[in-house]
Amino acid sequence: MPPSTDLLQGTLDLLILKTLALESMHGWGIAQRIQQVSKEVLQIGQGSLYPALHRLEYKGWIKAEWGASENNRKAKFYSLTKTGQMQLEVELADWDRLTTAIALVLKRA
């Protein structure tokens, strides 16, 4: 059985923001990049990805523009906004604090 890919609340948002910090891409590309970089551990389904993209767009952290995908199909391309770049820094700092705290609790003697 593959490992669980359930993500902490808000973690998907952070993964999307970090992925888009590199370059703009369409939804399927974002999911593929996260899966690839995580060495196939994190697999983001459409049922999670697109609501997250809409939420981030609503917050003004990302913007979307229509364009042509690699196979010349119409696709929505997402990119980070200035506000999104600032939020990414906040989210990364929060993540560092959270993972440090969890590591302290789980530390084995």
N, C-alpha and C. Protein backbone atom coordinates (compact mmCIF):
# COMPACT_ATOMS: atom_id res chain seq x y z
N MET A 1 0.85 -1.18 0.00
CA MET A 1 0.00 0.00 0.00
C MET A 1 0.89 1.24 0.00
N PRO A 2 0.61 2.24 -0.87
CA PRO A 2 1.44 3.44 -0.91
C PRO A 2 1.29 4.25 0.37
N PRO A 3 2.33 5.04 0.72
CA PRO A 3 2.24 5.85 1.93
C PRO A 3 1.11 6.87 1.83
N SER A 4 0.57 7.24 2.98
CA SER A 4 -0.50 8.22 3.02
C SER A 4 -0.01 9.56 2.50
N THR A 5 -0.81 10.23 1.72
CA THR A 5 -0.43 11.54 1.20
C THR A 5 -1.34 12.62 1.76
N ASP A 6 -2.01 12.32 2.88
CA ASP A 6 -2.83 13.35 3.53
C ASP A 6 -1.91 14.47 3.99
N LEU A 7 -2.30 15.69 3.70
CA LEU A 7 -1.47 16.83 4.04
C LEU A 7 -2.11 17.62 5.17
N LEU A 8 -1.27 18.20 6.01
CA LEU A 8 -1.77 19.10 7.04
C LEU A 8 -2.52 20.24 6.39
N GLN A 9 -3.50 20.76 7.10
CA GLN A 9 -4.27 21.91 6.61
C GLN A 9 -3.29 23.03 6.23
N GLY A 10 -3.41 23.55 5.04
CA GLY A 10 -2.57 24.65 4.61
C GLY A 10 -1.27 24.24 3.94
N THR A 11 -0.89 22.97 4.09
CA THR A 11 0.36 22.52 3.50
C THR A 11 0.30 22.53 1.98
N LEU A 12 -0.83 22.16 1.41
CA LEU A 12 -0.98 22.17 -0.04
C LEU A 12 -0.79 23.59 -0.57
N ASP A 13 -1.35 24.57 0.13
CA ASP A 13 -1.18 25.96 -0.30
C ASP A 13 0.30 26.31 -0.37
N LEU A 14 1.06 25.92 0.66
CA LEU A 14 2.49 26.20 0.70
C LEU A 14 3.20 25.51 -0.47
N LEU A 15 2.86 24.26 -0.73
CA LEU A 15 3.49 23.53 -1.83
C LEU A 15 3.21 24.20 -3.18
N ILE A 16 1.98 24.67 -3.36
CA ILE A 16 1.62 25.34 -4.61
C ILE A 16 2.38 26.65 -4.74
N LEU A 17 2.40 27.45 -3.68
CA LEU A 17 3.12 28.74 -3.72
C LEU A 17 4.59 28.52 -4.03
N LYS A 18 5.21 27.55 -3.38
CA LYS A 18 6.64 27.26 -3.60
C LYS A 18 6.88 26.81 -5.03
N THR A 19 5.99 25.99 -5.56
CA THR A 19 6.12 25.51 -6.94
C THR A 19 6.01 26.66 -7.92
N LEU A 20 5.07 27.56 -7.69
CA LEU A 20 4.87 28.69 -8.61
C LEU A 20 5.93 29.77 -8.45
N ALA A 21 6.71 29.72 -7.36
CA ALA A 21 7.80 30.69 -7.19
C ALA A 21 8.87 30.47 -8.25
N LEU A 22 8.94 29.26 -8.79
CA LEU A 22 9.94 28.94 -9.80
C LEU A 22 9.52 29.41 -11.19
N GLU A 23 8.25 29.16 -11.54
CA GLU A 23 7.74 29.57 -12.85
C GLU A 23 6.23 29.40 -12.88
N SER A 24 5.58 30.09 -13.80
CA SER A 24 4.13 29.91 -13.94
C SER A 24 3.88 28.58 -14.63
N MET A 25 2.77 27.95 -14.27
CA MET A 25 2.42 26.68 -14.90
C MET A 25 0.94 26.39 -14.73
N HIS A 26 0.46 25.44 -15.50
CA HIS A 26 -0.95 25.06 -15.42
C HIS A 26 -1.13 24.05 -14.29
N GLY A 27 -2.38 23.83 -13.91
CA GLY A 27 -2.70 22.98 -12.77
C GLY A 27 -2.07 21.61 -12.82
N TRP A 28 -2.21 20.94 -13.96
CA TRP A 28 -1.65 19.59 -14.10
C TRP A 28 -0.14 19.63 -13.91
N GLY A 29 0.51 20.67 -14.43
CA GLY A 29 1.95 20.83 -14.28
C GLY A 29 2.35 21.01 -12.83
N ILE A 30 1.55 21.76 -12.07
CA ILE A 30 1.82 21.96 -10.64
C ILE A 30 1.78 20.62 -9.92
N ALA A 31 0.72 19.86 -10.16
CA ALA A 31 0.58 18.54 -9.52
C ALA A 31 1.74 17.63 -9.89
N GLN A 32 2.13 17.63 -11.16
CA GLN A 32 3.23 16.79 -11.63
C GLN A 32 4.55 17.20 -10.98
N ARG A 33 4.80 18.51 -10.89
CA ARG A 33 6.05 19.00 -10.29
C ARG A 33 6.13 18.59 -8.82
N ILE A 34 5.05 18.76 -8.08
CA ILE A 34 5.04 18.38 -6.66
C ILE A 34 5.30 16.89 -6.52
N GLN A 35 4.67 16.09 -7.35
CA GLN A 35 4.87 14.64 -7.32
C GLN A 35 6.32 14.29 -7.65
N GLN A 36 6.87 14.92 -8.66
CA GLN A 36 8.24 14.65 -9.10
C GLN A 36 9.26 15.04 -8.03
N VAL A 37 9.13 16.26 -7.50
CA VAL A 37 10.09 16.75 -6.52
C VAL A 37 10.01 15.95 -5.22
N SER A 38 8.82 15.46 -4.87
CA SER A 38 8.66 14.67 -3.65
C SER A 38 9.02 13.19 -3.86
N LYS A 39 9.62 12.89 -4.98
CA LYS A 39 9.99 11.52 -5.33
C LYS A 39 8.78 10.58 -5.29
N GLU A 40 7.68 11.07 -5.86
CA GLU A 40 6.44 10.29 -6.02
C GLU A 40 5.68 10.06 -4.71
N VAL A 41 6.07 10.67 -3.61
CA VAL A 41 5.38 10.47 -2.34
C VAL A 41 4.09 11.29 -2.29
N LEU A 42 4.15 12.54 -2.74
CA LEU A 42 2.98 13.41 -2.71
C LEU A 42 2.29 13.39 -4.07
N GLN A 43 1.05 12.95 -4.06
CA GLN A 43 0.25 12.93 -5.28
C GLN A 43 -1.00 13.75 -5.01
N ILE A 44 -1.12 14.85 -5.73
CA ILE A 44 -2.21 15.79 -5.50
C ILE A 44 -3.31 15.53 -6.52
N GLY A 45 -4.48 15.15 -6.04
CA GLY A 45 -5.61 14.90 -6.92
C GLY A 45 -6.29 16.19 -7.34
N GLN A 46 -7.03 16.12 -8.44
CA GLN A 46 -7.75 17.29 -8.94
C GLN A 46 -8.75 17.82 -7.92
N GLY A 47 -9.33 16.92 -7.13
CA GLY A 47 -10.31 17.32 -6.13
C GLY A 47 -9.72 18.16 -5.01
N SER A 48 -8.42 18.10 -4.83
CA SER A 48 -7.73 18.95 -3.86
C SER A 48 -7.05 20.13 -4.53
N LEU A 49 -6.45 19.88 -5.69
CA LEU A 49 -5.65 20.90 -6.36
C LEU A 49 -6.47 22.11 -6.80
N TYR A 50 -7.54 21.87 -7.55
CA TYR A 50 -8.26 23.01 -8.13
C TYR A 50 -8.99 23.86 -7.10
N PRO A 51 -9.58 23.28 -6.06
CA PRO A 51 -10.12 24.15 -5.00
C PRO A 51 -9.02 25.00 -4.33
N ALA A 52 -7.84 24.41 -4.15
CA ALA A 52 -6.73 25.16 -3.56
C ALA A 52 -6.30 26.30 -4.48
N LEU A 53 -6.22 26.03 -5.78
CA LEU A 53 -5.84 27.08 -6.74
C LEU A 53 -6.87 28.22 -6.72
N HIS A 54 -8.14 27.87 -6.68
CA HIS A 54 -9.19 28.90 -6.64
C HIS A 54 -9.11 29.71 -5.34
N ARG A 55 -8.84 29.03 -4.24
CA ARG A 55 -8.72 29.70 -2.95
C ARG A 55 -7.53 30.69 -2.96
N LEU A 56 -6.40 30.25 -3.49
CA LEU A 56 -5.22 31.11 -3.55
C LEU A 56 -5.43 32.29 -4.50
N GLU A 57 -6.16 32.05 -5.58
CA GLU A 57 -6.47 33.13 -6.52
C GLU A 57 -7.40 34.14 -5.86
N TYR A 58 -8.38 33.64 -5.11
CA TYR A 58 -9.32 34.52 -4.41
C TYR A 58 -8.60 35.39 -3.39
N LYS A 59 -7.60 34.82 -2.72
CA LYS A 59 -6.82 35.57 -1.73
C LYS A 59 -5.86 36.57 -2.38
N GLY A 60 -5.68 36.45 -3.69
CA GLY A 60 -4.78 37.37 -4.39
C GLY A 60 -3.32 36.94 -4.36
N TRP A 61 -3.06 35.69 -3.96
CA TRP A 61 -1.69 35.20 -3.86
C TRP A 61 -1.18 34.66 -5.19
N ILE A 62 -2.11 34.24 -6.06
CA ILE A 62 -1.75 33.81 -7.40
C ILE A 62 -2.71 34.46 -8.39
N LYS A 63 -2.30 34.49 -9.65
CA LYS A 63 -3.19 34.98 -10.71
C LYS A 63 -3.19 33.94 -11.83
N ALA A 64 -4.25 33.95 -12.61
CA ALA A 64 -4.40 32.97 -13.68
C ALA A 64 -4.59 33.68 -15.02
N GLU A 65 -3.98 33.12 -16.05
CA GLU A 65 -4.16 33.61 -17.42
C GLU A 65 -4.27 32.41 -18.34
N TRP A 66 -5.11 32.55 -19.35
CA TRP A 66 -5.27 31.47 -20.32
C TRP A 66 -4.09 31.47 -21.29
N GLY A 67 -3.65 30.27 -21.65
CA GLY A 67 -2.57 30.11 -22.61
C GLY A 67 -2.64 28.72 -23.22
N ALA A 68 -1.65 28.39 -24.02
CA ALA A 68 -1.59 27.08 -24.67
C ALA A 68 -0.60 26.19 -23.94
N SER A 69 -1.03 24.96 -23.65
CA SER A 69 -0.17 23.98 -22.98
C SER A 69 0.83 23.39 -23.97
N GLU A 70 1.68 22.49 -23.47
CA GLU A 70 2.71 21.86 -24.31
C GLU A 70 2.10 21.15 -25.51
N ASN A 71 0.90 20.57 -25.34
CA ASN A 71 0.26 19.87 -26.44
C ASN A 71 -0.74 20.77 -27.19
N ASN A 72 -0.54 22.08 -27.03
CA ASN A 72 -1.31 23.11 -27.75
C ASN A 72 -2.79 23.13 -27.39
N ARG A 73 -3.10 22.73 -26.17
CA ARG A 73 -4.49 22.81 -25.69
C ARG A 73 -4.62 24.05 -24.81
N LYS A 74 -5.82 24.58 -24.77
CA LYS A 74 -6.09 25.75 -23.94
C LYS A 74 -5.99 25.35 -22.47
N ALA A 75 -5.23 26.12 -21.70
CA ALA A 75 -5.05 25.81 -20.27
C ALA A 75 -4.88 27.10 -19.49
N LYS A 76 -5.26 27.05 -18.23
CA LYS A 76 -5.09 28.18 -17.33
C LYS A 76 -3.72 28.07 -16.68
N PHE A 77 -2.91 29.12 -16.83
CA PHE A 77 -1.58 29.15 -16.24
C PHE A 77 -1.60 30.05 -15.02
N TYR A 78 -1.05 29.53 -13.94
CA TYR A 78 -1.05 30.24 -12.67
C TYR A 78 0.34 30.78 -12.38
N SER A 79 0.39 31.97 -11.78
CA SER A 79 1.67 32.55 -11.38
C SER A 79 1.51 33.26 -10.05
N LEU A 80 2.62 33.41 -9.36
CA LEU A 80 2.64 34.06 -8.06
C LEU A 80 2.53 35.58 -8.23
N THR A 81 1.74 36.21 -7.38
CA THR A 81 1.67 37.67 -7.36
C THR A 81 2.69 38.19 -6.34
N LYS A 82 2.89 39.49 -6.29
CA LYS A 82 3.77 40.10 -5.28
C LYS A 82 3.30 39.71 -3.88
N THR A 83 1.98 39.81 -3.65
CA THR A 83 1.40 39.43 -2.37
C THR A 83 1.67 37.96 -2.08
N GLY A 84 1.58 37.13 -3.11
CA GLY A 84 1.84 35.70 -2.97
C GLY A 84 3.30 35.43 -2.60
N GLN A 85 4.21 36.21 -3.17
CA GLN A 85 5.63 36.05 -2.83
C GLN A 85 5.86 36.37 -1.36
N MET A 86 5.22 37.45 -0.88
CA MET A 86 5.35 37.81 0.53
C MET A 86 4.72 36.74 1.42
N GLN A 87 3.57 36.22 1.01
CA GLN A 87 2.89 35.18 1.77
C GLN A 87 3.72 33.91 1.82
N LEU A 88 4.40 33.59 0.73
CA LEU A 88 5.26 32.41 0.70
C LEU A 88 6.32 32.51 1.80
N GLU A 89 6.91 33.67 1.97
CA GLU A 89 7.92 33.85 3.01
C GLU A 89 7.31 33.64 4.40
N VAL A 90 6.10 34.16 4.62
CA VAL A 90 5.40 33.96 5.89
C VAL A 90 5.12 32.47 6.12
N GLU A 91 4.62 31.81 5.07
CA GLU A 91 4.28 30.39 5.17
C GLU A 91 5.52 29.54 5.43
N LEU A 92 6.64 29.87 4.79
CA LEU A 92 7.88 29.11 5.00
C LEU A 92 8.38 29.27 6.44
N ALA A 93 8.29 30.48 6.98
CA ALA A 93 8.70 30.72 8.37
C ALA A 93 7.79 29.93 9.32
N ASP A 94 6.48 29.94 9.05
CA ASP A 94 5.53 29.18 9.87
C ASP A 94 5.85 27.69 9.80
N TRP A 95 6.14 27.21 8.60
CA TRP A 95 6.46 25.79 8.40
C TRP A 95 7.71 25.41 9.20
N ASP A 96 8.73 26.27 9.15
CA ASP A 96 9.96 25.99 9.89
C ASP A 96 9.68 25.89 11.39
N ARG A 97 8.86 26.81 11.91
CA ARG A 97 8.51 26.78 13.34
C ARG A 97 7.74 25.50 13.67
N LEU A 98 6.78 25.15 12.83
CA LEU A 98 5.95 23.98 13.07
C LEU A 98 6.77 22.70 13.03
N THR A 99 7.60 22.54 12.01
CA THR A 99 8.38 21.30 11.89
C THR A 99 9.41 21.17 13.00
N THR A 100 9.97 22.30 13.45
CA THR A 100 10.90 22.27 14.58
C THR A 100 10.18 21.82 15.84
N ALA A 101 8.98 22.36 16.08
CA ALA A 101 8.21 21.99 17.26
C ALA A 101 7.82 20.51 17.22
N ILE A 102 7.39 20.04 16.07
CA ILE A 102 7.01 18.62 15.93
C ILE A 102 8.21 17.73 16.15
N ALA A 103 9.36 18.11 15.59
CA ALA A 103 10.58 17.34 15.77
C ALA A 103 10.97 17.24 17.24
N LEU A 104 10.77 18.31 17.99
CA LEU A 104 11.08 18.29 19.43
C LEU A 104 10.18 17.30 20.17
N VAL A 105 8.90 17.30 19.83
CA VAL A 105 7.96 16.39 20.47
C VAL A 105 8.27 14.94 20.12
N LEU A 106 8.64 14.69 18.87
CA LEU A 106 8.88 13.32 18.41
C LEU A 106 10.29 12.82 18.67
N LYS A 107 11.17 13.68 19.15
CA LYS A 107 12.57 13.33 19.36
C LYS A 107 12.67 12.10 20.25
N ARG A 108 13.47 11.17 19.81
CA ARG A 108 13.67 9.93 20.56
C ARG A 108 14.91 10.05 21.42
N ALA A 109 14.79 9.59 22.64
CA ALA A 109 15.91 9.69 23.59
C ALA A 109 17.00 8.70 23.25
